[in-house]
Amino acid sequence: MAAKPKLHYPNGRGRMESVRWVLAETRIEFDEEFLETKEQFQKLQDGNHLLFQQVPMVEIDGMKLVLTQSILHCIAHKHHFLGKDLKERTLIDMYVEGTLVLLERIIMHPF
């Protein structure tokens, strides 16, 4: 049995939320390591685990993935969650893009 995916992100809502939604929809159990200190984040950066020096980061199948879209695509490919034809794949892409746009607005709302 493969290890559970491990999500690295601050303890709150944000870019990791859509990843959580997809994992929940595919019924994949996951662990979370909340980044609560600057030192935890610095450790990930210093360990060359963050390709673009930012989170979210998900450890899955021996990979350390960053960038929300890349993480979502990896999970979707692995679990055959992409649609059966071009029309379904396009609709799924639109929903994913739409949730990311909505998320950006929610994240920025307090500011």
PDB file of N, CA and C in Angstrom:
ATOM      1  N   MET A   1       0.835  -1.181   0.000  1.00  0.00           N
ATOM      2  CA  MET A   1       0.000   0.000   0.000  1.00  0.00           C
ATOM      3  C   MET A   1       0.882   1.247   0.000  1.00  0.00           C
ATOM      4  N   ALA A   2       0.583   2.169  -0.873  1.00  0.00           N
ATOM      5  CA  ALA A   2       1.363   3.395  -0.978  1.00  0.00           C
ATOM      6  C   ALA A   2       1.105   4.281   0.232  1.00  0.00           C
ATOM      7  N   ALA A   3       2.121   5.076   0.551  1.00  0.00           N
ATOM      8  CA  ALA A   3       1.985   6.012   1.658  1.00  0.00           C
ATOM      9  C   ALA A   3       0.945   7.072   1.314  1.00  0.00           C
ATOM     10  N   LYS A   4       0.314   7.608   2.339  1.00  0.00           N
ATOM     11  CA  LYS A   4      -0.651   8.679   2.133  1.00  0.00           C
ATOM     12  C   LYS A   4       0.074   9.920   1.622  1.00  0.00           C
ATOM     13  N   PRO A   5      -0.573  10.666   0.753  1.00  0.00           N
ATOM     14  CA  PRO A   5       0.009  11.952   0.370  1.00  0.00           C
ATOM     15  C   PRO A   5       0.150  12.829   1.614  1.00  0.00           C
ATOM     16  N   LYS A   6       1.179  13.659   1.606  1.00  0.00           N
ATOM     17  CA  LYS A   6       1.417  14.566   2.731  1.00  0.00           C
ATOM     18  C   LYS A   6       1.399  15.991   2.213  1.00  0.00           C
ATOM     19  N   LEU A   7       0.527  16.799   2.782  1.00  0.00           N
ATOM     20  CA  LEU A   7       0.346  18.171   2.345  1.00  0.00           C
ATOM     21  C   LEU A   7       1.111  19.108   3.273  1.00  0.00           C
ATOM     22  N   HIS A   8       1.860  20.031   2.686  1.00  0.00           N
ATOM     23  CA  HIS A   8       2.618  21.014   3.454  1.00  0.00           C
ATOM     24  C   HIS A   8       2.069  22.398   3.119  1.00  0.00           C
ATOM     25  N   TYR A   9       1.509  23.047   4.141  1.00  0.00           N
ATOM     26  CA  TYR A   9       0.899  24.359   3.935  1.00  0.00           C
ATOM     27  C   TYR A   9       0.626  24.981   5.296  1.00  0.00           C
ATOM     28  N   PRO A  10       0.530  26.298   5.377  1.00  0.00           N
ATOM     29  CA  PRO A  10       0.143  26.901   6.656  1.00  0.00           C
ATOM     30  C   PRO A  10      -1.237  26.403   7.088  1.00  0.00           C
ATOM     31  N   ASN A  11      -1.503  26.449   8.376  1.00  0.00           N
ATOM     32  CA  ASN A  11      -2.772  25.972   8.912  1.00  0.00           C
ATOM     33  C   ASN A  11      -3.868  26.986   8.609  1.00  0.00           C
ATOM     34  N   GLY A  12      -4.490  26.829   7.468  1.00  0.00           N
ATOM     35  CA  GLY A  12      -5.548  27.737   7.056  1.00  0.00           C
ATOM     36  C   GLY A  12      -6.016  27.401   5.659  1.00  0.00           C
ATOM     37  N   ARG A  13      -6.883  28.232   5.160  1.00  0.00           N
ATOM     38  CA  ARG A  13      -7.402  28.054   3.810  1.00  0.00           C
ATOM     39  C   ARG A  13      -6.486  28.783   2.835  1.00  0.00           C
ATOM     40  N   GLY A  14      -6.551  28.372   1.589  1.00  0.00           N
ATOM     41  CA  GLY A  14      -5.730  29.023   0.570  1.00  0.00           C
ATOM     42  C   GLY A  14      -5.571  28.119  -0.626  1.00  0.00           C
ATOM     43  N   ARG A  15      -4.417  28.181  -1.244  1.00  0.00           N
ATOM     44  CA  ARG A  15      -4.172  27.431  -2.473  1.00  0.00           C
ATOM     45  C   ARG A  15      -4.237  25.920  -2.291  1.00  0.00           C
ATOM     46  N   MET A  16      -4.054  25.440  -1.071  1.00  0.00           N
ATOM     47  CA  MET A  16      -4.115  23.997  -0.828  1.00  0.00           C
ATOM     48  C   MET A  16      -5.559  23.494  -0.804  1.00  0.00           C
ATOM     49  N   GLU A  17      -6.524  24.413  -0.677  1.00  0.00           N
ATOM     50  CA  GLU A  17      -7.908  23.980  -0.497  1.00  0.00           C
ATOM     51  C   GLU A  17      -8.422  23.156  -1.672  1.00  0.00           C
ATOM     52  N   SER A  18      -8.129  23.554  -2.895  1.00  0.00           N
ATOM     53  CA  SER A  18      -8.607  22.784  -4.049  1.00  0.00           C
ATOM     54  C   SER A  18      -7.965  21.395  -4.091  1.00  0.00           C
ATOM     55  N   VAL A  19      -6.741  21.274  -3.598  1.00  0.00           N
ATOM     56  CA  VAL A  19      -6.085  19.962  -3.518  1.00  0.00           C
ATOM     57  C   VAL A  19      -6.828  19.099  -2.497  1.00  0.00           C
ATOM     58  N   ARG A  20      -7.162  19.679  -1.362  1.00  0.00           N
ATOM     59  CA  ARG A  20      -7.933  18.940  -0.359  1.00  0.00           C
ATOM     60  C   ARG A  20      -9.267  18.470  -0.937  1.00  0.00           C
ATOM     61  N   TRP A  21      -9.937  19.341  -1.711  1.00  0.00           N
ATOM     62  CA  TRP A  21     -11.228  18.997  -2.301  1.00  0.00           C
ATOM     63  C   TRP A  21     -11.101  17.796  -3.242  1.00  0.00           C
ATOM     64  N   VAL A  22     -10.082  17.811  -4.086  1.00  0.00           N
ATOM     65  CA  VAL A  22      -9.898  16.709  -5.048  1.00  0.00           C
ATOM     66  C   VAL A  22      -9.557  15.416  -4.308  1.00  0.00           C
ATOM     67  N   LEU A  23      -8.692  15.500  -3.317  1.00  0.00           N
ATOM     68  CA  LEU A  23      -8.355  14.297  -2.551  1.00  0.00           C
ATOM     69  C   LEU A  23      -9.592  13.744  -1.837  1.00  0.00           C
ATOM     70  N   ALA A  24     -10.409  14.626  -1.293  1.00  0.00           N
ATOM     71  CA  ALA A  24     -11.636  14.174  -0.629  1.00  0.00           C
ATOM     72  C   ALA A  24     -12.589  13.532  -1.634  1.00  0.00           C
ATOM     73  N   GLU A  25     -12.720  14.129  -2.793  1.00  0.00           N
ATOM     74  CA  GLU A  25     -13.623  13.594  -3.823  1.00  0.00           C
ATOM     75  C   GLU A  25     -13.164  12.220  -4.303  1.00  0.00           C
ATOM     76  N   THR A  26     -11.860  12.019  -4.386  1.00  0.00           N
ATOM     77  CA  THR A  26     -11.333  10.727  -4.828  1.00  0.00           C
ATOM     78  C   THR A  26     -11.175   9.748  -3.665  1.00  0.00           C
ATOM     79  N   ARG A  27     -11.590  10.182  -2.472  1.00  0.00           N
ATOM     80  CA  ARG A  27     -11.542   9.369  -1.252  1.00  0.00           C
ATOM     81  C   ARG A  27     -10.125   8.917  -0.898  1.00  0.00           C
ATOM     82  N   ILE A  28      -9.189   9.796  -1.139  1.00  0.00           N
ATOM     83  CA  ILE A  28      -7.799   9.520  -0.804  1.00  0.00           C
ATOM     84  C   ILE A  28      -7.513  10.121   0.567  1.00  0.00           C
ATOM     85  N   GLU A  29      -7.090   9.273   1.500  1.00  0.00           N
ATOM     86  CA  GLU A  29      -6.695   9.780   2.805  1.00  0.00           C
ATOM     87  C   GLU A  29      -5.346  10.472   2.675  1.00  0.00           C
ATOM     88  N   PHE A  30      -5.158  11.536   3.431  1.00  0.00           N
ATOM     89  CA  PHE A  30      -3.901  12.274   3.370  1.00  0.00           C
ATOM     90  C   PHE A  30      -3.530  12.786   4.745  1.00  0.00           C
ATOM     91  N   ASP A  31      -2.263  13.082   4.908  1.00  0.00           N
ATOM     92  CA  ASP A  31      -1.747  13.697   6.127  1.00  0.00           C
ATOM     93  C   ASP A  31      -1.396  15.139   5.813  1.00  0.00           C
ATOM     94  N   GLU A  32      -1.414  15.964   6.843  1.00  0.00           N
ATOM     95  CA  GLU A  32      -1.031  17.354   6.664  1.00  0.00           C
ATOM     96  C   GLU A  32       0.052  17.726   7.663  1.00  0.00           C
ATOM     97  N   GLU A  33       1.033  18.440   7.191  1.00  0.00           N
ATOM     98  CA  GLU A  33       2.043  19.017   8.065  1.00  0.00           C
ATOM     99  C   GLU A  33       1.908  20.526   7.933  1.00  0.00           C
ATOM    100  N   PHE A  34       1.310  21.116   8.954  1.00  0.00           N
ATOM    101  CA  PHE A  34       1.083  22.549   8.913  1.00  0.00           C
ATOM    102  C   PHE A  34       2.376  23.305   9.191  1.00  0.00           C
ATOM    103  N   LEU A  35       2.635  24.298   8.373  1.00  0.00           N
ATOM    104  CA  LEU A  35       3.802  25.149   8.560  1.00  0.00           C
ATOM    105  C   LEU A  35       3.407  26.249   9.539  1.00  0.00           C
ATOM    106  N   GLU A  36       3.860  26.102  10.767  1.00  0.00           N
ATOM    107  CA  GLU A  36       3.470  27.032  11.821  1.00  0.00           C
ATOM    108  C   GLU A  36       4.574  28.003  12.193  1.00  0.00           C
ATOM    109  N   THR A  37       5.785  27.720  11.732  1.00  0.00           N
ATOM    110  CA  THR A  37       6.904  28.618  12.050  1.00  0.00           C
ATOM    111  C   THR A  37       7.684  28.940  10.775  1.00  0.00           C
ATOM    112  N   LYS A  38       8.377  30.047  10.834  1.00  0.00           N
ATOM    113  CA  LYS A  38       9.231  30.439   9.711  1.00  0.00           C
ATOM    114  C   LYS A  38      10.327  29.391   9.487  1.00  0.00           C
ATOM    115  N   GLU A  39      10.776  28.773  10.574  1.00  0.00           N
ATOM    116  CA  GLU A  39      11.837  27.764  10.488  1.00  0.00           C
ATOM    117  C   GLU A  39      11.383  26.527   9.706  1.00  0.00           C
ATOM    118  N   GLN A  40      10.134  26.123   9.871  1.00  0.00           N
ATOM    119  CA  GLN A  40       9.621  24.975   9.115  1.00  0.00           C
ATOM    120  C   GLN A  40       9.634  25.274   7.619  1.00  0.00           C
ATOM    121  N   PHE A  41       9.186  26.457   7.264  1.00  0.00           N
ATOM    122  CA  PHE A  41       9.180  26.860   5.855  1.00  0.00           C
ATOM    123  C   PHE A  41      10.606  26.962   5.332  1.00  0.00           C
ATOM    124  N   GLN A  42      11.489  27.541   6.124  1.00  0.00           N
ATOM    125  CA  GLN A  42      12.890  27.693   5.723  1.00  0.00           C
ATOM    126  C   GLN A  42      13.549  26.335   5.503  1.00  0.00           C
ATOM    127  N   LYS A  43      13.191  25.356   6.329  1.00  0.00           N
ATOM    128  CA  LYS A  43      13.745  24.004   6.181  1.00  0.00           C
ATOM    129  C   LYS A  43      13.360  23.406   4.831  1.00  0.00           C
ATOM    130  N   LEU A  44      12.100  23.600   4.410  1.00  0.00           N
ATOM    131  CA  LEU A  44      11.683  23.113   3.089  1.00  0.00           C
ATOM    132  C   LEU A  44      12.446  23.828   1.983  1.00  0.00           C
ATOM    133  N   GLN A  45      12.612  25.123   2.119  1.00  0.00           N
ATOM    134  CA  GLN A  45      13.348  25.891   1.109  1.00  0.00           C
ATOM    135  C   GLN A  45      14.812  25.458   1.060  1.00  0.00           C
ATOM    136  N   ASP A  46      15.431  25.321   2.218  1.00  0.00           N
ATOM    137  CA  ASP A  46      16.847  24.943   2.273  1.00  0.00           C
ATOM    138  C   ASP A  46      17.083  23.524   1.784  1.00  0.00           C
ATOM    139  N   GLY A  47      16.081  22.667   1.909  1.00  0.00           N
ATOM    140  CA  GLY A  47      16.207  21.274   1.476  1.00  0.00           C
ATOM    141  C   GLY A  47      15.933  21.085  -0.003  1.00  0.00           C
ATOM    142  N   ASN A  48      15.795  22.184  -0.751  1.00  0.00           N
ATOM    143  CA  ASN A  48      15.515  22.125  -2.179  1.00  0.00           C
ATOM    144  C   ASN A  48      14.251  21.324  -2.502  1.00  0.00           C
ATOM    145  N   HIS A  49      13.251  21.454  -1.637  1.00  0.00           N
ATOM    146  CA  HIS A  49      11.985  20.759  -1.856  1.00  0.00           C
ATOM    147  C   HIS A  49      10.966  21.641  -2.566  1.00  0.00           C
ATOM    148  N   LEU A  50      11.227  22.931  -2.632  1.00  0.00           N
ATOM    149  CA  LEU A  50      10.275  23.871  -3.214  1.00  0.00           C
ATOM    150  C   LEU A  50      10.877  24.475  -4.477  1.00  0.00           C
ATOM    151  N   LEU A  51      10.477  23.943  -5.612  1.00  0.00           N
ATOM    152  CA  LEU A  51      11.044  24.353  -6.889  1.00  0.00           C
ATOM    153  C   LEU A  51      10.997  25.865  -7.078  1.00  0.00           C
ATOM    154  N   PHE A  52       9.903  26.505  -6.681  1.00  0.00           N
ATOM    155  CA  PHE A  52       9.764  27.951  -6.839  1.00  0.00           C
ATOM    156  C   PHE A  52       9.737  28.666  -5.492  1.00  0.00           C
ATOM    157  N   GLN A  53      10.264  27.992  -4.462  1.00  0.00           N
ATOM    158  CA  GLN A  53      10.386  28.562  -3.116  1.00  0.00           C
ATOM    159  C   GLN A  53       9.042  28.962  -2.518  1.00  0.00           C
ATOM    160  N   GLN A  54       7.985  28.223  -2.857  1.00  0.00           N
ATOM    161  CA  GLN A  54       6.665  28.527  -2.308  1.00  0.00           C
ATOM    162  C   GLN A  54       5.882  27.244  -2.098  1.00  0.00           C
ATOM    163  N   VAL A  55       4.885  27.332  -1.249  1.00  0.00           N
ATOM    164  CA  VAL A  55       3.957  26.241  -1.029  1.00  0.00           C
ATOM    165  C   VAL A  55       2.634  26.633  -1.655  1.00  0.00           C
ATOM    166  N   PRO A  56       1.734  25.717  -1.943  1.00  0.00           N
ATOM    167  CA  PRO A  56       1.638  24.385  -1.373  1.00  0.00           C
ATOM    168  C   PRO A  56       2.647  23.410  -1.966  1.00  0.00           C
ATOM    169  N   MET A  57       2.950  22.405  -1.147  1.00  0.00           N
ATOM    170  CA  MET A  57       3.796  21.303  -1.587  1.00  0.00           C
ATOM    171  C   MET A  57       3.136  20.015  -1.116  1.00  0.00           C
ATOM    172  N   VAL A  58       3.077  19.039  -2.006  1.00  0.00           N
ATOM    173  CA  VAL A  58       2.493  17.740  -1.685  1.00  0.00           C
ATOM    174  C   VAL A  58       3.525  16.664  -1.977  1.00  0.00           C
ATOM    175  N   GLU A  59       3.743  15.805  -1.007  1.00  0.00           N
ATOM    176  CA  GLU A  59       4.585  14.627  -1.205  1.00  0.00           C
ATOM    177  C   GLU A  59       3.655  13.483  -1.590  1.00  0.00           C
ATOM    178  N   ILE A  60       3.905  12.917  -2.768  1.00  0.00           N
ATOM    179  CA  ILE A  60       3.069  11.821  -3.259  1.00  0.00           C
ATOM    180  C   ILE A  60       3.908  10.929  -4.171  1.00  0.00           C
ATOM    181  N   ASP A  61       3.862   9.646  -3.936  1.00  0.00           N
ATOM    182  CA  ASP A  61       4.587   8.669  -4.758  1.00  0.00           C
ATOM    183  C   ASP A  61       6.067   9.006  -4.914  1.00  0.00           C
ATOM    184  N   GLY A  62       6.689   9.446  -3.844  1.00  0.00           N
ATOM    185  CA  GLY A  62       8.116   9.755  -3.875  1.00  0.00           C
ATOM    186  C   GLY A  62       8.463  11.083  -4.527  1.00  0.00           C
ATOM    187  N   MET A  63       7.450  11.836  -4.929  1.00  0.00           N
ATOM    188  CA  MET A  63       7.684  13.149  -5.550  1.00  0.00           C
ATOM    189  C   MET A  63       7.303  14.241  -4.570  1.00  0.00           C
ATOM    190  N   LYS A  64       7.931  15.377  -4.709  1.00  0.00           N
ATOM    191  CA  LYS A  64       7.576  16.572  -3.961  1.00  0.00           C
ATOM    192  C   LYS A  64       7.062  17.586  -4.981  1.00  0.00           C
ATOM    193  N   LEU A  65       5.749  17.721  -5.043  1.00  0.00           N
ATOM    194  CA  LEU A  65       5.117  18.547  -6.062  1.00  0.00           C
ATOM    195  C   LEU A  65       4.748  19.914  -5.515  1.00  0.00           C
ATOM    196  N   VAL A  66       4.980  20.940  -6.318  1.00  0.00           N
ATOM    197  CA  VAL A  66       4.556  22.293  -5.986  1.00  0.00           C
ATOM    198  C   VAL A  66       3.704  22.821  -7.131  1.00  0.00           C
ATOM    199  N   LEU A  67       3.065  23.928  -6.898  1.00  0.00           N
ATOM    200  CA  LEU A  67       2.152  24.599  -7.824  1.00  0.00           C
ATOM    201  C   LEU A  67       0.831  23.834  -7.892  1.00  0.00           C
ATOM    202  N   THR A  68      -0.208  24.507  -7.499  1.00  0.00           N
ATOM    203  CA  THR A  68      -1.520  23.890  -7.338  1.00  0.00           C
ATOM    204  C   THR A  68      -1.978  23.144  -8.581  1.00  0.00           C
ATOM    205  N   GLN A  69      -1.866  23.761  -9.742  1.00  0.00           N
ATOM    206  CA  GLN A  69      -2.327  23.105 -10.978  1.00  0.00           C
ATOM    207  C   GLN A  69      -1.577  21.802 -11.230  1.00  0.00           C
ATOM    208  N   SER A  70      -0.274  21.805 -11.025  1.00  0.00           N
ATOM    209  CA  SER A  70       0.526  20.594 -11.241  1.00  0.00           C
ATOM    210  C   SER A  70       0.119  19.494 -10.276  1.00  0.00           C
ATOM    211  N   ILE A  71      -0.124  19.870  -9.033  1.00  0.00           N
ATOM    212  CA  ILE A  71      -0.553  18.900  -8.031  1.00  0.00           C
ATOM    213  C   ILE A  71      -1.901  18.301  -8.427  1.00  0.00           C
ATOM    214  N   LEU A  72      -2.839  19.161  -8.814  1.00  0.00           N
ATOM    215  CA  LEU A  72      -4.168  18.692  -9.211  1.00  0.00           C
ATOM    216  C   LEU A  72      -4.099  17.776 -10.428  1.00  0.00           C
ATOM    217  N   HIS A  73      -3.289  18.140 -11.408  1.00  0.00           N
ATOM    218  CA  HIS A  73      -3.159  17.302 -12.615  1.00  0.00           C
ATOM    219  C   HIS A  73      -2.566  15.942 -12.278  1.00  0.00           C
ATOM    220  N   CYS A  74      -1.584  15.908 -11.403  1.00  0.00           N
ATOM    221  CA  CYS A  74      -0.966  14.640 -11.019  1.00  0.00           C
ATOM    222  C   CYS A  74      -1.996  13.718 -10.369  1.00  0.00           C
ATOM    223  N   ILE A  75      -2.757  14.255  -9.416  1.00  0.00           N
ATOM    224  CA  ILE A  75      -3.773  13.449  -8.730  1.00  0.00           C
ATOM    225  C   ILE A  75      -4.836  12.992  -9.718  1.00  0.00           C
ATOM    226  N   ALA A  76      -5.270  13.881 -10.584  1.00  0.00           N
ATOM    227  CA  ALA A  76      -6.301  13.539 -11.570  1.00  0.00           C
ATOM    228  C   ALA A  76      -5.825  12.446 -12.522  1.00  0.00           C
ATOM    229  N   HIS A  77      -4.587  12.549 -13.006  1.00  0.00           N
ATOM    230  CA  HIS A  77      -4.043  11.514 -13.895  1.00  0.00           C
ATOM    231  C   HIS A  77      -3.956  10.178 -13.172  1.00  0.00           C
ATOM    232  N   LYS A  78      -3.417  10.200 -11.981  1.00  0.00           N
ATOM    233  CA  LYS A  78      -3.202   8.960 -11.237  1.00  0.00           C
ATOM    234  C   LYS A  78      -4.514   8.228 -10.955  1.00  0.00           C
ATOM    235  N   HIS A  79      -5.571   8.967 -10.700  1.00  0.00           N
ATOM    236  CA  HIS A  79      -6.827   8.351 -10.273  1.00  0.00           C
ATOM    237  C   HIS A  79      -7.909   8.410 -11.357  1.00  0.00           C
ATOM    238  N   HIS A  80      -7.467   8.617 -12.606  1.00  0.00           N
ATOM    239  CA  HIS A  80      -8.378   8.601 -13.759  1.00  0.00           C
ATOM    240  C   HIS A  80      -9.582   9.514 -13.527  1.00  0.00           C
ATOM    241  N   PHE A  81      -9.254  10.746 -13.165  1.00  0.00           N
ATOM    242  CA  PHE A  81     -10.254  11.730 -12.791  1.00  0.00           C
ATOM    243  C   PHE A  81     -10.278  12.870 -13.806  1.00  0.00           C
ATOM    244  N   LEU A  82      -9.972  12.534 -15.067  1.00  0.00           N
ATOM    245  CA  LEU A  82      -9.810  13.584 -16.075  1.00  0.00           C
ATOM    246  C   LEU A  82     -10.948  13.660 -17.086  1.00  0.00           C
ATOM    247  N   GLY A  83     -11.849  12.728 -17.077  1.00  0.00           N
ATOM    248  CA  GLY A  83     -12.921  12.717 -18.074  1.00  0.00           C
ATOM    249  C   GLY A  83     -12.632  11.700 -19.161  1.00  0.00           C
ATOM    250  N   LYS A  84     -13.696  11.260 -19.804  1.00  0.00           N
ATOM    251  CA  LYS A  84     -13.548  10.179 -20.794  1.00  0.00           C
ATOM    252  C   LYS A  84     -13.312  10.687 -22.206  1.00  0.00           C
ATOM    253  N   ASP A  85     -13.579  11.966 -22.447  1.00  0.00           N
ATOM    254  CA  ASP A  85     -13.384  12.509 -23.791  1.00  0.00           C
ATOM    255  C   ASP A  85     -13.018  13.993 -23.698  1.00  0.00           C
ATOM    256  N   LEU A  86     -12.804  14.611 -24.837  1.00  0.00           N
ATOM    257  CA  LEU A  86     -12.370  16.002 -24.877  1.00  0.00           C
ATOM    258  C   LEU A  86     -13.380  16.926 -24.190  1.00  0.00           C
ATOM    259  N   LYS A  87     -14.655  16.685 -24.421  1.00  0.00           N
ATOM    260  CA  LYS A  87     -15.688  17.540 -23.825  1.00  0.00           C
ATOM    261  C   LYS A  87     -15.623  17.480 -22.295  1.00  0.00           C
ATOM    262  N   GLU A  88     -15.566  16.272 -21.733  1.00  0.00           N
ATOM    263  CA  GLU A  88     -15.486  16.142 -20.275  1.00  0.00           C
ATOM    264  C   GLU A  88     -14.190  16.738 -19.734  1.00  0.00           C
ATOM    265  N   ARG A  89     -13.062  16.496 -20.408  1.00  0.00           N
ATOM    266  CA  ARG A  89     -11.788  17.051 -19.954  1.00  0.00           C
ATOM    267  C   ARG A  89     -11.814  18.579 -19.963  1.00  0.00           C
ATOM    268  N   THR A  90     -12.428  19.148 -20.987  1.00  0.00           N
ATOM    269  CA  THR A  90     -12.526  20.605 -21.074  1.00  0.00           C
ATOM    270  C   THR A  90     -13.403  21.156 -19.954  1.00  0.00           C
ATOM    271  N   LEU A  91     -14.528  20.521 -19.689  1.00  0.00           N
ATOM    272  CA  LEU A  91     -15.388  20.954 -18.592  1.00  0.00           C
ATOM    273  C   LEU A  91     -14.666  20.871 -17.250  1.00  0.00           C
ATOM    274  N   ILE A  92     -13.936  19.792 -17.033  1.00  0.00           N
ATOM    275  CA  ILE A  92     -13.169  19.638 -15.798  1.00  0.00           C
ATOM    276  C   ILE A  92     -12.127  20.743 -15.693  1.00  0.00           C
ATOM    277  N   ASP A  93     -11.412  21.025 -16.784  1.00  0.00           N
ATOM    278  CA  ASP A  93     -10.420  22.115 -16.772  1.00  0.00           C
ATOM    279  C   ASP A  93     -11.080  23.453 -16.427  1.00  0.00           C
ATOM    280  N   MET A  94     -12.266  23.690 -16.980  1.00  0.00           N
ATOM    281  CA  MET A  94     -12.966  24.950 -16.687  1.00  0.00           C
ATOM    282  C   MET A  94     -13.346  25.022 -15.206  1.00  0.00           C
ATOM    283  N   TYR A  95     -13.844  23.924 -14.647  1.00  0.00           N
ATOM    284  CA  TYR A  95     -14.198  23.922 -13.225  1.00  0.00           C
ATOM    285  C   TYR A  95     -12.962  24.164 -12.358  1.00  0.00           C
ATOM    286  N   VAL A  96     -11.860  23.510 -12.700  1.00  0.00           N
ATOM    287  CA  VAL A  96     -10.630  23.695 -11.928  1.00  0.00           C
ATOM    288  C   VAL A  96     -10.180  25.150 -12.000  1.00  0.00           C
ATOM    289  N   GLU A  97     -10.130  25.703 -13.202  1.00  0.00           N
ATOM    290  CA  GLU A  97      -9.729  27.103 -13.351  1.00  0.00           C
ATOM    291  C   GLU A  97     -10.683  28.026 -12.597  1.00  0.00           C
ATOM    292  N   GLY A  98     -11.981  27.723 -12.675  1.00  0.00           N
ATOM    293  CA  GLY A  98     -12.976  28.539 -11.986  1.00  0.00           C
ATOM    294  C   GLY A  98     -12.797  28.515 -10.480  1.00  0.00           C
ATOM    295  N   THR A  99     -12.516  27.327  -9.924  1.00  0.00           N
ATOM    296  CA  THR A  99     -12.315  27.262  -8.472  1.00  0.00           C
ATOM    297  C   THR A  99     -11.064  28.015  -8.065  1.00  0.00           C
ATOM    298  N   LEU A 100     -10.032  27.991  -8.912  1.00  0.00           N
ATOM    299  CA  LEU A 100      -8.808  28.731  -8.585  1.00  0.00           C
ATOM    300  C   LEU A 100      -9.044  30.239  -8.644  1.00  0.00           C
ATOM    301  N   VAL A 101      -9.826  30.701  -9.609  1.00  0.00           N
ATOM    302  CA  VAL A 101     -10.167  32.130  -9.681  1.00  0.00           C
ATOM    303  C   VAL A 101     -10.980  32.526  -8.455  1.00  0.00           C
ATOM    304  N   LEU A 102     -11.976  31.705  -8.104  1.00  0.00           N
ATOM    305  CA  LEU A 102     -12.783  31.981  -6.921  1.00  0.00           C
ATOM    306  C   LEU A 102     -11.919  32.013  -5.670  1.00  0.00           C
ATOM    307  N   LEU A 103     -11.017  31.063  -5.566  1.00  0.00           N
ATOM    308  CA  LEU A 103     -10.132  30.993  -4.414  1.00  0.00           C
ATOM    309  C   LEU A 103      -9.268  32.247  -4.303  1.00  0.00           C
ATOM    310  N   GLU A 104      -8.749  32.718  -5.433  1.00  0.00           N
ATOM    311  CA  GLU A 104      -7.952  33.953  -5.426  1.00  0.00           C
ATOM    312  C   GLU A 104      -8.756  35.116  -4.866  1.00  0.00           C
ATOM    313  N   ARG A 105     -10.017  35.211  -5.273  1.00  0.00           N
ATOM    314  CA  ARG A 105     -10.877  36.302  -4.790  1.00  0.00           C
ATOM    315  C   ARG A 105     -11.146  36.160  -3.296  1.00  0.00           C
ATOM    316  N   ILE A 106     -11.352  34.928  -2.836  1.00  0.00           N
ATOM    317  CA  ILE A 106     -11.598  34.704  -1.416  1.00  0.00           C
ATOM    318  C   ILE A 106     -10.354  35.050  -0.604  1.00  0.00           C
ATOM    319  N   ILE A 107      -9.198  34.615  -1.096  1.00  0.00           N
ATOM    320  CA  ILE A 107      -7.950  34.894  -0.396  1.00  0.00           C
ATOM    321  C   ILE A 107      -7.697  36.395  -0.279  1.00  0.00           C
ATOM    322  N   MET A 108      -7.981  37.128  -1.328  1.00  0.00           N
ATOM    323  CA  MET A 108      -7.704  38.556  -1.346  1.00  0.00           C
ATOM    324  C   MET A 108      -8.793  39.402  -0.695  1.00  0.00           C
ATOM    325  N   HIS A 109      -9.955  38.809  -0.410  1.00  0.00           N
ATOM    326  CA  HIS A 109     -11.082  39.571   0.131  1.00  0.00           C
ATOM    327  C   HIS A 109     -10.730  40.374   1.399  1.00  0.00           C
ATOM    328  N   PRO A 110     -10.011  39.786   2.380  1.00  0.00           N
ATOM    329  CA  PRO A 110      -9.699  40.566   3.579  1.00  0.00           C
ATOM    330  C   PRO A 110      -8.827  41.795   3.296  1.00  0.00           C
ATOM    331  N   PHE A 111      -8.114  41.790   2.185  1.00  0.00           N
ATOM    332  CA  PHE A 111      -7.207  42.902   1.888  1.00  0.00           C
ATOM    333  C   PHE A 111      -7.892  43.971   1.077  1.00  0.00           C
TER     334      PHE A 111
END
